[in-house]
Amino acid sequence: HGYSSRSKAHIYQWGHSYPLDVLGALDYLRSDPDGKLGGEISSNKVGLMGFSEGAFNVLNAFGMDGDVPGAWADSPPWLPDIVFANGMMKVLEG
């Protein structure tokens, strides 16, 4: 996700499913199906945290799941178009 210097297009990518990826990871953590995280955890003990674009996705995921007790969002972009504009300026500047 985000800016990939290995991308031929050199663009920022924003997927509509990213908040669902966050919720999928949350469900995995809560249920611990492989028994690698110490066992099942109550929904009221697990929140979400994200930085930058991850913070943007955390806020969207937080709004989608009423069982998440809290979310910490550090420096999310205000609007995705700001990120796209920044990426476009990098492309235009060469």
Protein backbone atom coordinates (compact mmCIF):
# COMPACT_ATOMS: atom_id res chain seq x y z
CA HIS A 1 0.00 0.00 0.00
CA GLY A 2 1.02 3.60 -0.19
CA TYR A 3 3.84 4.83 -2.41
CA SER A 4 5.93 2.14 -3.98
CA SER A 5 9.27 3.14 -5.46
CA ARG A 6 9.27 -0.22 -7.25
CA SER A 7 6.01 0.61 -9.01
CA LYS A 8 6.43 1.50 -12.67
CA ALA A 9 3.65 4.06 -12.31
CA HIS A 10 5.17 5.52 -9.10
CA ILE A 11 1.75 6.28 -7.67
CA TYR A 12 0.06 6.15 -4.32
CA GLN A 13 -2.39 3.31 -4.05
CA TRP A 14 -5.55 3.44 -1.96
CA GLY A 15 -7.74 0.39 -1.84
CA HIS A 16 -11.36 0.31 -0.81
CA SER A 17 -10.67 -2.98 0.94
CA TYR A 18 -7.82 -1.78 3.19
CA PRO A 19 -10.13 -1.19 6.18
CA LEU A 20 -11.40 -4.74 5.67
CA ASP A 21 -7.79 -5.95 5.83
CA VAL A 22 -7.46 -4.15 9.17
CA LEU A 23 -10.63 -5.81 10.44
CA GLY A 24 -9.45 -9.21 9.19
CA ALA A 25 -6.19 -8.80 11.11
CA LEU A 26 -8.19 -7.74 14.16
CA ASP A 27 -10.43 -10.81 13.92
CA TYR A 28 -7.35 -13.02 13.58
CA LEU A 29 -5.79 -11.44 16.67
CA ARG A 30 -8.97 -11.80 18.69
CA SER A 31 -9.59 -15.43 17.79
CA ASP A 32 -5.96 -16.65 17.48
CA PRO A 33 -6.95 -19.62 15.29
CA ASP A 34 -3.37 -20.91 15.08
CA GLY A 35 -2.72 -20.61 18.81
CA LYS A 36 0.37 -18.48 18.31
CA LEU A 37 -0.70 -15.35 20.17
CA GLY A 38 -1.59 -16.70 23.58
CA GLY A 39 -5.20 -17.67 22.94
CA GLU A 40 -8.47 -15.95 22.26
CA ILE A 41 -8.82 -12.34 23.45
CA SER A 42 -12.05 -10.58 24.41
CA SER A 43 -13.20 -7.96 21.90
CA ASN A 44 -13.26 -5.29 24.59
CA LYS A 45 -9.50 -5.68 25.18
CA VAL A 46 -8.24 -5.11 21.64
CA GLY A 47 -8.19 -1.75 19.88
CA LEU A 48 -6.70 -0.45 16.66
CA MET A 49 -3.64 1.70 16.00
CA GLY A 50 -2.23 3.07 12.77
CA PHE A 51 0.24 5.62 11.43
CA SER A 52 -0.09 7.79 8.32
CA GLU A 53 -2.13 5.91 5.68
CA GLY A 54 -2.55 3.11 8.21
CA ALA A 55 -4.16 5.64 10.55
CA PHE A 56 -6.59 6.61 7.79
CA ASN A 57 -7.50 2.94 7.34
CA VAL A 58 -7.80 2.41 11.10
CA LEU A 59 -10.31 5.26 11.36
CA ASN A 60 -12.40 3.77 8.57
CA ALA A 61 -12.24 0.30 10.12
CA PHE A 62 -13.11 1.71 13.54
CA GLY A 63 -16.28 3.18 12.05
CA MET A 64 -17.20 -0.16 10.48
CA ASP A 65 -16.93 -2.38 13.59
CA GLY A 66 -18.94 -1.47 16.65
CA ASP A 67 -17.06 -4.01 18.78
CA VAL A 68 -13.75 -2.11 18.69
CA PRO A 69 -13.40 -0.29 22.02
CA GLY A 70 -10.90 2.32 20.80
CA ALA A 71 -8.58 3.49 18.05
CA TRP A 72 -5.34 5.47 17.97
CA ALA A 73 -4.67 7.30 14.72
CA ASP A 74 -1.29 9.02 14.41
CA SER A 75 -0.97 11.54 11.57
CA PRO A 76 -3.63 10.32 9.15
CA PRO A 77 -3.95 12.28 5.92
CA TRP A 78 -6.89 14.66 6.10
CA LEU A 79 -8.13 13.65 2.67
CA PRO A 80 -6.82 11.06 0.18
CA ASP A 81 -6.61 13.70 -2.56
CA ILE A 82 -3.79 15.39 -0.63
CA VAL A 83 -1.78 12.17 -0.90
CA PHE A 84 -2.61 11.80 -4.59
CA ALA A 85 -1.57 15.42 -5.25
CA ASN A 86 1.74 14.85 -3.49
CA GLY A 87 2.36 11.73 -5.59
CA MET A 88 1.47 13.56 -8.80
CA MET A 89 3.90 16.36 -7.97
CA LYS A 90 6.68 13.79 -7.57
CA VAL A 91 5.82 12.32 -10.99
CA LEU A 92 5.72 15.73 -12.66
CA GLU A 93 8.99 16.83 -11.08
CA GLY A 94 10.60 13.75 -12.59
